[in-house]
Amino acid sequence: MGKLSYAGEAQRFELDDEVLAHLRLVTVTKLRRGESFPLTVPTDGATSETLWIHASIPIRFEVRDDIELKRPLLVKMMAAASSSNGLDLTDMELAPSIMAPRMPAVA
């Protein structure tokens, strides 16, 4: 699991490395273009939190470097980030590894 730090260390979110690696590229691309966007991330339990991603707000990604990026997922995430609703990581289509139902451990 990787970590996303927002507004310095004020808020930290633990996310799947694959999703976070894709999010990092989307975020860097959008900010390089001078584009802000809303990002919704899952939090503990059944809640989510929406962050405003802007170049003036510190953001940091801690993620493994060996993640293979998938172009179809990048395209979907970029399109979502450019939409009025923003990039929603509670959407199974955009973050399947985060939102996949967890199977209980079998003893």
N, C-alpha and C. Protein backbone atom coordinates (compact mmCIF):
# COMPACT_ATOMS: atom_id res chain seq x y z
N MET A 1 0.84 -1.19 0.00
CA MET A 1 0.00 0.00 0.00
C MET A 1 0.88 1.24 0.00
N GLY A 2 0.47 2.19 -0.83
CA GLY A 2 1.19 3.45 -0.90
C GLY A 2 0.46 4.51 -0.08
N LYS A 3 1.06 5.69 -0.02
CA LYS A 3 0.47 6.77 0.77
C LYS A 3 0.40 8.05 -0.06
N LEU A 4 -0.71 8.75 0.11
CA LEU A 4 -0.92 10.05 -0.50
C LEU A 4 -1.00 11.05 0.64
N SER A 5 -0.10 12.03 0.64
CA SER A 5 -0.13 13.10 1.65
C SER A 5 -0.65 14.36 0.97
N TYR A 6 -1.61 15.01 1.61
CA TYR A 6 -2.26 16.19 1.05
C TYR A 6 -2.13 17.33 2.04
N ALA A 7 -1.85 18.53 1.55
CA ALA A 7 -1.68 19.72 2.39
C ALA A 7 -0.57 19.49 3.41
N GLY A 8 0.59 19.14 2.90
CA GLY A 8 1.71 18.79 3.77
C GLY A 8 1.44 17.43 4.36
N GLU A 9 1.57 17.34 5.65
CA GLU A 9 1.28 16.07 6.34
C GLU A 9 -0.08 16.13 7.04
N ALA A 10 -0.86 17.17 6.76
CA ALA A 10 -2.15 17.34 7.43
C ALA A 10 -3.09 16.16 7.20
N GLN A 11 -3.08 15.63 6.00
CA GLN A 11 -3.96 14.50 5.68
C GLN A 11 -3.16 13.45 4.92
N ARG A 12 -3.29 12.21 5.37
CA ARG A 12 -2.61 11.09 4.70
C ARG A 12 -3.63 10.01 4.41
N PHE A 13 -3.54 9.47 3.21
CA PHE A 13 -4.46 8.42 2.77
C PHE A 13 -3.64 7.23 2.31
N GLU A 14 -4.04 6.05 2.72
CA GLU A 14 -3.39 4.82 2.27
C GLU A 14 -4.19 4.26 1.10
N LEU A 15 -3.50 4.09 -0.03
CA LEU A 15 -4.15 3.62 -1.26
C LEU A 15 -3.34 2.50 -1.89
N ASP A 16 -3.99 1.71 -2.70
CA ASP A 16 -3.33 0.64 -3.43
C ASP A 16 -2.22 1.24 -4.31
N ASP A 17 -1.06 0.59 -4.36
CA ASP A 17 0.08 1.09 -5.13
C ASP A 17 -0.24 1.29 -6.61
N GLU A 18 -0.98 0.35 -7.20
CA GLU A 18 -1.29 0.47 -8.63
C GLU A 18 -2.15 1.70 -8.90
N VAL A 19 -3.16 1.92 -8.10
CA VAL A 19 -4.02 3.09 -8.27
C VAL A 19 -3.21 4.36 -8.02
N LEU A 20 -2.39 4.35 -7.00
CA LEU A 20 -1.60 5.53 -6.64
C LEU A 20 -0.59 5.88 -7.73
N ALA A 21 0.03 4.88 -8.34
CA ALA A 21 0.99 5.14 -9.42
C ALA A 21 0.30 5.82 -10.61
N HIS A 22 -0.89 5.36 -10.95
CA HIS A 22 -1.65 5.98 -12.03
C HIS A 22 -2.10 7.39 -11.63
N LEU A 23 -2.56 7.54 -10.40
CA LEU A 23 -2.98 8.85 -9.90
C LEU A 23 -1.83 9.85 -9.94
N ARG A 24 -0.64 9.40 -9.60
CA ARG A 24 0.54 10.29 -9.60
C ARG A 24 0.75 10.87 -11.00
N LEU A 25 0.72 10.02 -12.02
CA LEU A 25 0.94 10.50 -13.38
C LEU A 25 -0.17 11.44 -13.83
N VAL A 26 -1.41 11.11 -13.52
CA VAL A 26 -2.54 11.98 -13.87
C VAL A 26 -2.39 13.33 -13.18
N THR A 27 -2.06 13.33 -11.90
CA THR A 27 -1.93 14.57 -11.13
C THR A 27 -0.80 15.44 -11.67
N VAL A 28 0.35 14.84 -11.91
CA VAL A 28 1.49 15.60 -12.43
C VAL A 28 1.15 16.21 -13.79
N THR A 29 0.50 15.44 -14.64
CA THR A 29 0.11 15.93 -15.97
C THR A 29 -0.85 17.11 -15.85
N LYS A 30 -1.88 16.95 -15.02
CA LYS A 30 -2.88 18.02 -14.86
C LYS A 30 -2.23 19.28 -14.27
N LEU A 31 -1.41 19.14 -13.25
CA LEU A 31 -0.81 20.31 -12.61
C LEU A 31 0.20 20.98 -13.54
N ARG A 32 0.91 20.19 -14.33
CA ARG A 32 1.86 20.76 -15.30
C ARG A 32 1.12 21.64 -16.31
N ARG A 33 -0.11 21.28 -16.63
CA ARG A 33 -0.94 22.06 -17.56
C ARG A 33 -1.62 23.24 -16.88
N GLY A 34 -1.45 23.36 -15.57
CA GLY A 34 -2.10 24.43 -14.82
C GLY A 34 -3.56 24.14 -14.53
N GLU A 35 -3.94 22.86 -14.53
CA GLU A 35 -5.33 22.47 -14.32
C GLU A 35 -5.53 21.87 -12.93
N SER A 36 -6.51 22.39 -12.21
CA SER A 36 -6.90 21.85 -10.90
C SER A 36 -8.03 20.87 -11.12
N PHE A 37 -8.28 20.02 -10.11
CA PHE A 37 -9.39 19.08 -10.23
C PHE A 37 -9.77 18.52 -8.86
N PRO A 38 -11.04 18.11 -8.69
CA PRO A 38 -11.44 17.45 -7.45
C PRO A 38 -11.05 15.97 -7.49
N LEU A 39 -10.59 15.47 -6.37
CA LEU A 39 -10.21 14.06 -6.22
C LEU A 39 -10.95 13.50 -5.02
N THR A 40 -11.75 12.46 -5.23
CA THR A 40 -12.45 11.80 -4.14
C THR A 40 -11.73 10.51 -3.80
N VAL A 41 -11.37 10.38 -2.52
CA VAL A 41 -10.65 9.19 -2.05
C VAL A 41 -11.47 8.50 -0.97
N PRO A 42 -11.40 7.17 -0.92
CA PRO A 42 -12.10 6.45 0.15
C PRO A 42 -11.36 6.66 1.46
N THR A 43 -12.13 6.74 2.54
CA THR A 43 -11.53 6.84 3.87
C THR A 43 -11.96 5.60 4.66
N ASP A 44 -11.65 5.57 5.92
CA ASP A 44 -12.02 4.41 6.74
C ASP A 44 -13.53 4.22 6.74
N GLY A 45 -13.94 2.99 6.69
CA GLY A 45 -15.37 2.69 6.74
C GLY A 45 -16.04 2.95 5.40
N ALA A 46 -17.25 3.43 5.45
CA ALA A 46 -18.05 3.62 4.23
C ALA A 46 -18.11 5.09 3.83
N THR A 47 -17.08 5.85 4.13
CA THR A 47 -17.08 7.27 3.81
C THR A 47 -16.01 7.58 2.77
N SER A 48 -16.11 8.77 2.21
CA SER A 48 -15.09 9.24 1.28
C SER A 48 -14.84 10.72 1.57
N GLU A 49 -13.77 11.22 1.01
CA GLU A 49 -13.41 12.62 1.21
C GLU A 49 -13.00 13.18 -0.14
N THR A 50 -13.45 14.40 -0.45
CA THR A 50 -13.07 15.04 -1.71
C THR A 50 -12.05 16.13 -1.43
N LEU A 51 -10.95 16.07 -2.16
CA LEU A 51 -9.84 17.02 -2.03
C LEU A 51 -9.79 17.88 -3.29
N TRP A 52 -9.37 19.13 -3.14
CA TRP A 52 -9.15 19.98 -4.30
C TRP A 52 -7.67 19.92 -4.63
N ILE A 53 -7.33 19.39 -5.81
CA ILE A 53 -5.94 19.26 -6.21
C ILE A 53 -5.55 20.51 -7.00
N HIS A 54 -4.59 21.25 -6.46
CA HIS A 54 -4.15 22.52 -7.05
C HIS A 54 -2.65 22.66 -6.81
N ALA A 55 -1.98 23.34 -7.71
CA ALA A 55 -0.52 23.49 -7.61
C ALA A 55 -0.08 24.19 -6.33
N SER A 56 -0.94 24.98 -5.70
CA SER A 56 -0.55 25.70 -4.48
C SER A 56 -0.68 24.85 -3.22
N ILE A 57 -1.26 23.66 -3.34
CA ILE A 57 -1.46 22.78 -2.18
C ILE A 57 -0.46 21.63 -2.26
N PRO A 58 0.41 21.49 -1.25
CA PRO A 58 1.41 20.41 -1.29
C PRO A 58 0.75 19.03 -1.33
N ILE A 59 1.31 18.18 -2.19
CA ILE A 59 0.83 16.81 -2.31
C ILE A 59 2.06 15.92 -2.51
N ARG A 60 2.02 14.75 -1.88
CA ARG A 60 3.17 13.84 -1.98
C ARG A 60 2.67 12.42 -2.15
N PHE A 61 3.35 11.69 -3.02
CA PHE A 61 3.01 10.29 -3.30
C PHE A 61 4.14 9.40 -2.80
N GLU A 62 3.81 8.38 -2.05
CA GLU A 62 4.77 7.35 -1.64
C GLU A 62 4.26 6.05 -2.25
N VAL A 63 4.96 5.59 -3.28
CA VAL A 63 4.47 4.44 -4.04
C VAL A 63 5.65 3.65 -4.58
N ARG A 64 5.46 2.34 -4.73
CA ARG A 64 6.51 1.50 -5.32
C ARG A 64 6.80 1.96 -6.74
N ASP A 65 8.03 1.80 -7.18
CA ASP A 65 8.42 2.23 -8.52
C ASP A 65 8.23 1.15 -9.57
N ASP A 66 7.94 -0.07 -9.17
CA ASP A 66 7.87 -1.17 -10.13
C ASP A 66 6.46 -1.42 -10.68
N ILE A 67 5.59 -0.45 -10.58
CA ILE A 67 4.21 -0.59 -11.05
C ILE A 67 4.16 -0.36 -12.56
N GLU A 68 3.55 -1.30 -13.27
CA GLU A 68 3.37 -1.14 -14.71
C GLU A 68 2.10 -0.33 -14.95
N LEU A 69 2.27 0.81 -15.62
CA LEU A 69 1.12 1.67 -15.89
C LEU A 69 0.33 1.12 -17.07
N LYS A 70 -0.99 1.22 -16.95
CA LYS A 70 -1.91 0.70 -17.98
C LYS A 70 -2.58 1.88 -18.68
N ARG A 71 -2.32 1.98 -19.96
CA ARG A 71 -2.84 3.11 -20.73
C ARG A 71 -4.36 3.25 -20.64
N PRO A 72 -5.16 2.17 -20.76
CA PRO A 72 -6.62 2.35 -20.67
C PRO A 72 -7.06 2.97 -19.34
N LEU A 73 -6.41 2.59 -18.26
CA LEU A 73 -6.76 3.17 -16.96
C LEU A 73 -6.34 4.63 -16.89
N LEU A 74 -5.17 4.96 -17.42
CA LEU A 74 -4.73 6.36 -17.45
C LEU A 74 -5.71 7.23 -18.24
N VAL A 75 -6.16 6.73 -19.37
CA VAL A 75 -7.11 7.48 -20.20
C VAL A 75 -8.41 7.72 -19.44
N LYS A 76 -8.93 6.69 -18.77
CA LYS A 76 -10.16 6.84 -17.98
C LYS A 76 -9.97 7.84 -16.84
N MET A 77 -8.83 7.74 -16.15
CA MET A 77 -8.58 8.64 -15.02
C MET A 77 -8.42 10.09 -15.49
N MET A 78 -7.73 10.30 -16.61
CA MET A 78 -7.58 11.66 -17.14
C MET A 78 -8.93 12.24 -17.54
N ALA A 79 -9.76 11.44 -18.18
CA ALA A 79 -11.09 11.92 -18.58
C ALA A 79 -11.92 12.27 -17.35
N ALA A 80 -11.86 11.43 -16.32
CA ALA A 80 -12.61 11.70 -15.09
C ALA A 80 -12.10 12.97 -14.41
N ALA A 81 -10.77 13.13 -14.35
CA ALA A 81 -10.19 14.31 -13.70
C ALA A 81 -10.59 15.59 -14.43
N SER A 82 -10.85 15.49 -15.72
CA SER A 82 -11.24 16.66 -16.52
C SER A 82 -12.74 16.92 -16.50
N SER A 83 -13.50 16.01 -15.90
CA SER A 83 -14.96 16.17 -15.86
C SER A 83 -15.37 17.07 -14.69
N SER A 84 -16.62 17.49 -14.69
CA SER A 84 -17.11 18.36 -13.60
C SER A 84 -17.15 17.63 -12.26
N ASN A 85 -17.28 16.31 -12.27
CA ASN A 85 -17.30 15.53 -11.02
C ASN A 85 -15.90 15.23 -10.51
N GLY A 86 -14.91 15.32 -11.35
CA GLY A 86 -13.54 15.05 -10.95
C GLY A 86 -13.23 13.56 -10.92
N LEU A 87 -12.07 13.24 -10.40
CA LEU A 87 -11.58 11.87 -10.34
C LEU A 87 -12.04 11.24 -9.03
N ASP A 88 -12.88 10.24 -9.13
CA ASP A 88 -13.50 9.60 -7.96
C ASP A 88 -12.94 8.19 -7.79
N LEU A 89 -12.06 8.01 -6.81
CA LEU A 89 -11.45 6.71 -6.58
C LEU A 89 -12.36 5.75 -5.82
N THR A 90 -13.61 6.16 -5.58
CA THR A 90 -14.58 5.21 -5.04
C THR A 90 -15.35 4.54 -6.18
N ASP A 91 -15.04 4.93 -7.41
CA ASP A 91 -15.65 4.34 -8.60
C ASP A 91 -14.87 3.08 -8.98
N MET A 92 -15.54 1.95 -8.98
CA MET A 92 -14.92 0.65 -9.26
C MET A 92 -14.19 0.65 -10.61
N GLU A 93 -14.70 1.40 -11.57
CA GLU A 93 -14.08 1.43 -12.90
C GLU A 93 -12.73 2.16 -12.88
N LEU A 94 -12.58 3.12 -11.98
CA LEU A 94 -11.34 3.90 -11.92
C LEU A 94 -10.34 3.35 -10.92
N ALA A 95 -10.82 2.63 -9.94
CA ALA A 95 -9.93 2.08 -8.91
C ALA A 95 -10.39 0.69 -8.50
N PRO A 96 -10.31 -0.27 -9.42
CA PRO A 96 -10.85 -1.61 -9.13
C PRO A 96 -10.18 -2.28 -7.94
N SER A 97 -8.90 -2.06 -7.75
CA SER A 97 -8.21 -2.74 -6.65
C SER A 97 -8.59 -2.15 -5.29
N ILE A 98 -9.03 -0.91 -5.27
CA ILE A 98 -9.46 -0.30 -4.00
C ILE A 98 -10.87 -0.75 -3.65
N MET A 99 -11.74 -0.75 -4.66
CA MET A 99 -13.16 -0.98 -4.40
C MET A 99 -13.59 -2.43 -4.55
N ALA A 100 -12.66 -3.31 -4.93
CA ALA A 100 -13.03 -4.73 -5.08
C ALA A 100 -13.47 -5.28 -3.73
N PRO A 101 -14.53 -6.07 -3.71
CA PRO A 101 -14.97 -6.65 -2.44
C PRO A 101 -13.89 -7.56 -1.87
N ARG A 102 -13.69 -7.45 -0.61
CA ARG A 102 -12.68 -8.25 0.06
C ARG A 102 -13.30 -9.57 0.50
N MET A 103 -12.64 -10.66 0.22
CA MET A 103 -13.11 -11.98 0.64
C MET A 103 -12.62 -12.23 2.06
N PRO A 104 -13.47 -12.74 2.94
CA PRO A 104 -13.02 -13.04 4.29
C PRO A 104 -11.99 -14.16 4.28
N ALA A 105 -11.07 -14.09 5.21
CA ALA A 105 -10.04 -15.13 5.33
C ALA A 105 -10.69 -16.44 5.75
N VAL A 106 -10.21 -17.52 5.17
CA VAL A 106 -10.72 -18.84 5.51
C VAL A 106 -9.73 -19.49 6.46
N ALA A 107 -10.23 -19.96 7.58
CA ALA A 107 -9.34 -20.57 8.58
C ALA A 107 -9.13 -22.04 8.32
